Amino acid sequence: MLYTEHIKDNKLFLRLYRKGRYTATEYFTAYYMPNKLSYNRFGITAGKKIGSAVVRNRAKRILREAYRKNEILMPVGYDIIFVARPGIVGVKTGDIERVLVSKVLKSMRN
């Protein structure tokens, strides 16, 4: 990813859950917060409510790919976490991309 690093530190996840803004869709919830850096930091989680390990990994791949394809549209300088929801099972990447652009990008710009 061009302008993005991965979030691996649990403290950053917890800080975004507590203090960040969020946008909820039927497929995922996006938490975001400005990070005062010249790049974005990005993380994905998928709980056991989603399904088996195979299903959770597919959900994470779909979210990662949707973000990668629309990374250039994202404002720079944000921490972003996507939390997969049970509605993501069986959904195509294109559908996730449309929701990402229409809802998440709109809310980040406001």
N, C-alpha and C. Protein backbone atom coordinates (compact mmCIF):
# COMPACT_ATOMS: atom_id res chain seq x y z
N MET A 1 0.83 -1.16 0.00
CA MET A 1 0.00 0.00 0.00
C MET A 1 0.89 1.25 0.00
N LEU A 2 0.48 2.20 -0.77
CA LEU A 2 1.32 3.37 -1.01
C LEU A 2 1.53 4.27 0.20
N TYR A 3 0.44 4.71 0.81
CA TYR A 3 0.52 5.72 1.85
C TYR A 3 0.13 5.16 3.21
N THR A 4 0.29 3.86 3.40
CA THR A 4 -0.28 3.22 4.57
C THR A 4 0.69 2.26 5.23
N GLU A 5 0.67 2.25 6.55
CA GLU A 5 1.36 1.24 7.35
C GLU A 5 0.30 0.46 8.11
N HIS A 6 0.65 -0.75 8.53
CA HIS A 6 -0.29 -1.59 9.27
C HIS A 6 -0.24 -1.28 10.75
N ILE A 7 -1.41 -1.29 11.39
CA ILE A 7 -1.48 -1.13 12.84
C ILE A 7 -1.38 -2.52 13.44
N LYS A 8 -0.40 -2.71 14.31
CA LYS A 8 -0.21 -4.00 14.97
C LYS A 8 -0.27 -3.88 16.48
N ASP A 9 -0.14 -2.65 16.99
CA ASP A 9 -0.10 -2.42 18.42
C ASP A 9 -1.51 -2.36 18.99
N ASN A 10 -1.78 -3.17 20.01
CA ASN A 10 -3.11 -3.23 20.61
C ASN A 10 -3.51 -1.88 21.21
N LYS A 11 -2.57 -1.10 21.69
CA LYS A 11 -2.88 0.21 22.27
C LYS A 11 -3.54 1.13 21.25
N LEU A 12 -3.07 1.07 20.01
CA LEU A 12 -3.66 1.91 18.96
C LEU A 12 -5.10 1.47 18.65
N PHE A 13 -5.33 0.16 18.62
CA PHE A 13 -6.69 -0.34 18.40
C PHE A 13 -7.61 0.16 19.50
N LEU A 14 -7.19 0.00 20.75
CA LEU A 14 -8.02 0.40 21.88
C LEU A 14 -8.28 1.90 21.90
N ARG A 15 -7.26 2.70 21.55
CA ARG A 15 -7.42 4.15 21.51
C ARG A 15 -8.45 4.55 20.44
N LEU A 16 -8.40 3.90 19.29
CA LEU A 16 -9.37 4.21 18.23
C LEU A 16 -10.78 3.81 18.64
N TYR A 17 -10.92 2.66 19.31
CA TYR A 17 -12.25 2.24 19.76
C TYR A 17 -12.82 3.24 20.76
N ARG A 18 -11.98 3.78 21.64
CA ARG A 18 -12.45 4.70 22.69
C ARG A 18 -12.65 6.13 22.18
N LYS A 19 -11.67 6.66 21.46
CA LYS A 19 -11.67 8.08 21.15
C LYS A 19 -11.97 8.41 19.69
N GLY A 20 -11.92 7.42 18.81
CA GLY A 20 -12.10 7.69 17.40
C GLY A 20 -13.56 7.85 17.01
N ARG A 21 -13.77 8.45 15.85
CA ARG A 21 -15.10 8.52 15.26
C ARG A 21 -15.34 7.22 14.51
N TYR A 22 -16.60 6.93 14.20
CA TYR A 22 -16.87 5.69 13.49
C TYR A 22 -18.04 5.84 12.54
N THR A 23 -18.05 4.94 11.56
CA THR A 23 -19.15 4.82 10.62
C THR A 23 -19.51 3.35 10.53
N ALA A 24 -20.76 3.02 10.74
CA ALA A 24 -21.20 1.63 10.71
C ALA A 24 -22.00 1.36 9.45
N THR A 25 -21.69 0.25 8.80
CA THR A 25 -22.45 -0.23 7.65
C THR A 25 -22.91 -1.65 7.97
N GLU A 26 -23.65 -2.26 7.07
CA GLU A 26 -24.09 -3.63 7.34
C GLU A 26 -22.95 -4.64 7.18
N TYR A 27 -21.86 -4.25 6.50
CA TYR A 27 -20.75 -5.15 6.25
C TYR A 27 -19.59 -4.97 7.23
N PHE A 28 -19.36 -3.75 7.67
CA PHE A 28 -18.24 -3.46 8.55
C PHE A 28 -18.47 -2.16 9.29
N THR A 29 -17.67 -1.95 10.34
CA THR A 29 -17.64 -0.68 11.04
C THR A 29 -16.24 -0.10 10.86
N ALA A 30 -16.15 1.16 10.50
CA ALA A 30 -14.85 1.81 10.30
C ALA A 30 -14.64 2.82 11.42
N TYR A 31 -13.56 2.66 12.18
CA TYR A 31 -13.14 3.62 13.20
C TYR A 31 -11.99 4.42 12.61
N TYR A 32 -12.00 5.73 12.82
CA TYR A 32 -10.92 6.56 12.26
C TYR A 32 -10.66 7.75 13.16
N MET A 33 -9.41 8.24 13.06
CA MET A 33 -8.99 9.37 13.89
C MET A 33 -7.73 9.96 13.28
N PRO A 34 -7.59 11.28 13.25
CA PRO A 34 -6.35 11.87 12.73
C PRO A 34 -5.15 11.44 13.57
N ASN A 35 -3.99 11.20 12.90
CA ASN A 35 -2.82 10.72 13.62
C ASN A 35 -1.64 11.68 13.56
N LYS A 36 -1.78 12.84 12.92
CA LYS A 36 -0.73 13.86 12.83
C LYS A 36 0.55 13.34 12.17
N LEU A 37 0.43 12.36 11.31
CA LEU A 37 1.56 11.83 10.54
C LEU A 37 1.31 12.10 9.06
N SER A 38 2.32 11.88 8.24
CA SER A 38 2.18 12.12 6.81
C SER A 38 1.74 10.86 6.06
N TYR A 39 1.22 9.89 6.78
CA TYR A 39 0.73 8.65 6.17
C TYR A 39 -0.40 8.09 7.02
N ASN A 40 -1.13 7.16 6.45
CA ASN A 40 -2.22 6.49 7.17
C ASN A 40 -1.70 5.24 7.84
N ARG A 41 -2.39 4.84 8.91
CA ARG A 41 -2.15 3.55 9.53
C ARG A 41 -3.47 2.79 9.47
N PHE A 42 -3.42 1.50 9.20
CA PHE A 42 -4.59 0.73 8.82
C PHE A 42 -4.59 -0.61 9.54
N GLY A 43 -5.76 -1.01 10.06
CA GLY A 43 -5.89 -2.31 10.71
C GLY A 43 -7.25 -2.92 10.41
N ILE A 44 -7.32 -4.25 10.54
CA ILE A 44 -8.57 -4.98 10.29
C ILE A 44 -8.75 -6.00 11.41
N THR A 45 -9.98 -6.14 11.89
CA THR A 45 -10.30 -7.21 12.83
C THR A 45 -11.56 -7.92 12.35
N ALA A 46 -11.63 -9.19 12.69
CA ALA A 46 -12.81 -10.00 12.39
C ALA A 46 -12.99 -10.99 13.54
N GLY A 47 -14.05 -10.82 14.31
CA GLY A 47 -14.30 -11.67 15.47
C GLY A 47 -14.87 -13.02 15.09
N LYS A 48 -15.00 -13.88 16.08
CA LYS A 48 -15.49 -15.23 15.84
C LYS A 48 -16.96 -15.29 15.46
N LYS A 49 -17.70 -14.19 15.68
CA LYS A 49 -19.11 -14.16 15.27
C LYS A 49 -19.24 -14.20 13.75
N ILE A 50 -18.19 -13.84 13.05
CA ILE A 50 -18.20 -13.83 11.59
C ILE A 50 -18.30 -15.25 11.05
N GLY A 51 -17.57 -16.17 11.66
CA GLY A 51 -17.58 -17.55 11.21
C GLY A 51 -16.26 -18.23 11.47
N SER A 52 -15.98 -19.26 10.71
CA SER A 52 -14.75 -20.03 10.88
C SER A 52 -13.54 -19.20 10.44
N ALA A 53 -12.35 -19.73 10.66
CA ALA A 53 -11.12 -19.02 10.31
C ALA A 53 -11.08 -18.71 8.81
N VAL A 54 -11.58 -19.62 8.00
CA VAL A 54 -11.59 -19.42 6.56
C VAL A 54 -12.46 -18.21 6.21
N VAL A 55 -13.62 -18.12 6.81
CA VAL A 55 -14.54 -17.02 6.54
C VAL A 55 -13.97 -15.70 7.05
N ARG A 56 -13.38 -15.72 8.25
CA ARG A 56 -12.78 -14.49 8.80
C ARG A 56 -11.64 -14.00 7.93
N ASN A 57 -10.79 -14.90 7.47
CA ASN A 57 -9.67 -14.50 6.62
C ASN A 57 -10.16 -13.96 5.29
N ARG A 58 -11.22 -14.53 4.73
CA ARG A 58 -11.77 -14.01 3.48
C ARG A 58 -12.33 -12.61 3.69
N ALA A 59 -13.00 -12.39 4.82
CA ALA A 59 -13.54 -11.06 5.13
C ALA A 59 -12.40 -10.05 5.23
N LYS A 60 -11.31 -10.42 5.87
CA LYS A 60 -10.18 -9.50 6.00
C LYS A 60 -9.53 -9.23 4.64
N ARG A 61 -9.43 -10.26 3.80
CA ARG A 61 -8.87 -10.06 2.45
C ARG A 61 -9.72 -9.09 1.64
N ILE A 62 -11.03 -9.26 1.72
CA ILE A 62 -11.95 -8.39 0.97
C ILE A 62 -11.81 -6.95 1.44
N LEU A 63 -11.78 -6.72 2.75
CA LEU A 63 -11.64 -5.37 3.28
C LEU A 63 -10.30 -4.76 2.90
N ARG A 64 -9.25 -5.55 2.98
CA ARG A 64 -7.91 -5.06 2.63
C ARG A 64 -7.85 -4.67 1.16
N GLU A 65 -8.43 -5.48 0.30
CA GLU A 65 -8.41 -5.19 -1.14
C GLU A 65 -9.25 -3.95 -1.46
N ALA A 66 -10.40 -3.81 -0.83
CA ALA A 66 -11.24 -2.64 -1.06
C ALA A 66 -10.51 -1.37 -0.63
N TYR A 67 -9.80 -1.43 0.49
CA TYR A 67 -9.02 -0.27 0.93
C TYR A 67 -7.88 0.01 -0.04
N ARG A 68 -7.19 -1.04 -0.47
CA ARG A 68 -6.04 -0.87 -1.37
C ARG A 68 -6.46 -0.20 -2.67
N LYS A 69 -7.59 -0.61 -3.23
CA LYS A 69 -8.05 -0.05 -4.49
C LYS A 69 -8.48 1.41 -4.36
N ASN A 70 -8.91 1.81 -3.18
CA ASN A 70 -9.40 3.18 -2.97
C ASN A 70 -8.48 4.00 -2.07
N GLU A 71 -7.28 3.52 -1.86
CA GLU A 71 -6.34 4.21 -0.97
C GLU A 71 -6.03 5.62 -1.45
N ILE A 72 -5.96 5.82 -2.73
CA ILE A 72 -5.61 7.13 -3.28
C ILE A 72 -6.68 8.17 -2.96
N LEU A 73 -7.93 7.74 -2.74
CA LEU A 73 -9.02 8.64 -2.41
C LEU A 73 -9.06 9.02 -0.93
N MET A 74 -8.40 8.23 -0.10
CA MET A 74 -8.43 8.45 1.35
C MET A 74 -7.64 9.68 1.73
N PRO A 75 -8.16 10.46 2.68
CA PRO A 75 -7.37 11.59 3.19
C PRO A 75 -6.14 11.06 3.93
N VAL A 76 -5.02 11.74 3.84
CA VAL A 76 -3.78 11.29 4.44
C VAL A 76 -3.69 11.80 5.87
N GLY A 77 -3.11 10.98 6.75
CA GLY A 77 -2.92 11.39 8.13
C GLY A 77 -3.97 10.84 9.07
N TYR A 78 -4.48 9.64 8.81
CA TYR A 78 -5.51 9.03 9.64
C TYR A 78 -5.10 7.64 10.09
N ASP A 79 -5.56 7.25 11.28
CA ASP A 79 -5.56 5.86 11.71
C ASP A 79 -6.94 5.32 11.39
N ILE A 80 -6.99 4.15 10.73
CA ILE A 80 -8.26 3.59 10.29
C ILE A 80 -8.30 2.12 10.68
N ILE A 81 -9.41 1.69 11.28
CA ILE A 81 -9.61 0.27 11.60
C ILE A 81 -10.95 -0.15 11.02
N PHE A 82 -10.96 -1.27 10.35
CA PHE A 82 -12.19 -1.88 9.87
C PHE A 82 -12.49 -3.10 10.72
N VAL A 83 -13.71 -3.17 11.25
CA VAL A 83 -14.16 -4.31 12.04
C VAL A 83 -15.24 -5.00 11.22
N ALA A 84 -14.96 -6.22 10.79
CA ALA A 84 -15.91 -6.96 9.96
C ALA A 84 -17.15 -7.33 10.77
N ARG A 85 -18.30 -7.29 10.11
CA ARG A 85 -19.57 -7.67 10.74
C ARG A 85 -20.12 -8.90 10.02
N PRO A 86 -21.03 -9.63 10.64
CA PRO A 86 -21.54 -10.87 10.03
C PRO A 86 -22.15 -10.69 8.64
N GLY A 87 -22.61 -9.51 8.28
CA GLY A 87 -23.19 -9.28 6.96
C GLY A 87 -22.20 -9.37 5.81
N ILE A 88 -20.90 -9.40 6.12
CA ILE A 88 -19.87 -9.42 5.08
C ILE A 88 -19.72 -10.79 4.43
N VAL A 89 -20.25 -11.82 5.07
CA VAL A 89 -20.11 -13.18 4.55
C VAL A 89 -20.81 -13.30 3.20
N GLY A 90 -20.07 -13.74 2.18
CA GLY A 90 -20.63 -13.96 0.85
C GLY A 90 -20.75 -12.72 -0.01
N VAL A 91 -20.20 -11.60 0.41
CA VAL A 91 -20.29 -10.36 -0.35
C VAL A 91 -19.06 -10.20 -1.23
N LYS A 92 -19.23 -9.63 -2.40
CA LYS A 92 -18.13 -9.42 -3.34
C LYS A 92 -17.35 -8.15 -2.98
N THR A 93 -16.10 -8.10 -3.45
CA THR A 93 -15.23 -6.96 -3.16
C THR A 93 -15.80 -5.66 -3.73
N GLY A 94 -16.41 -5.72 -4.89
CA GLY A 94 -16.98 -4.52 -5.51
C GLY A 94 -18.06 -3.89 -4.65
N ASP A 95 -18.88 -4.71 -3.99
CA ASP A 95 -19.92 -4.17 -3.12
C ASP A 95 -19.29 -3.45 -1.92
N ILE A 96 -18.24 -4.04 -1.38
CA ILE A 96 -17.55 -3.43 -0.24
C ILE A 96 -16.91 -2.12 -0.67
N GLU A 97 -16.33 -2.09 -1.87
CA GLU A 97 -15.71 -0.86 -2.38
C GLU A 97 -16.74 0.26 -2.48
N ARG A 98 -17.92 -0.04 -3.01
CA ARG A 98 -18.96 0.98 -3.16
C ARG A 98 -19.37 1.55 -1.80
N VAL A 99 -19.53 0.68 -0.82
CA VAL A 99 -19.91 1.14 0.52
C VAL A 99 -18.78 1.96 1.13
N LEU A 100 -17.55 1.52 0.93
CA LEU A 100 -16.39 2.23 1.46
C LEU A 100 -16.33 3.66 0.92
N VAL A 101 -16.51 3.79 -0.37
CA VAL A 101 -16.44 5.11 -1.00
C VAL A 101 -17.64 5.97 -0.62
N SER A 102 -18.82 5.38 -0.64
CA SER A 102 -20.02 6.19 -0.40
C SER A 102 -20.20 6.60 1.05
N LYS A 103 -19.90 5.73 1.99
CA LYS A 103 -20.18 6.06 3.39
C LYS A 103 -18.95 6.48 4.16
N VAL A 104 -17.88 5.71 4.10
CA VAL A 104 -16.71 5.99 4.94
C VAL A 104 -16.00 7.25 4.48
N LEU A 105 -15.74 7.36 3.18
CA LEU A 105 -15.06 8.55 2.69
C LEU A 105 -15.86 9.82 2.96
N LYS A 106 -17.18 9.74 2.79
CA LYS A 106 -18.03 10.90 3.07
C LYS A 106 -17.93 11.32 4.52
N SER A 107 -17.97 10.36 5.42
CA SER A 107 -17.94 10.72 6.84
C SER A 107 -16.55 11.20 7.27
N MET A 108 -15.49 10.71 6.64
CA MET A 108 -14.14 11.16 6.98
C MET A 108 -13.92 12.60 6.53
N ARG A 109 -14.56 13.00 5.46
CA ARG A 109 -14.36 14.35 4.93
C ARG A 109 -15.19 15.39 5.67
N ASN A 110 -16.20 14.94 6.42
CA ASN A 110 -17.05 15.88 7.18
C ASN A 110 -16.49 16.15 8.55
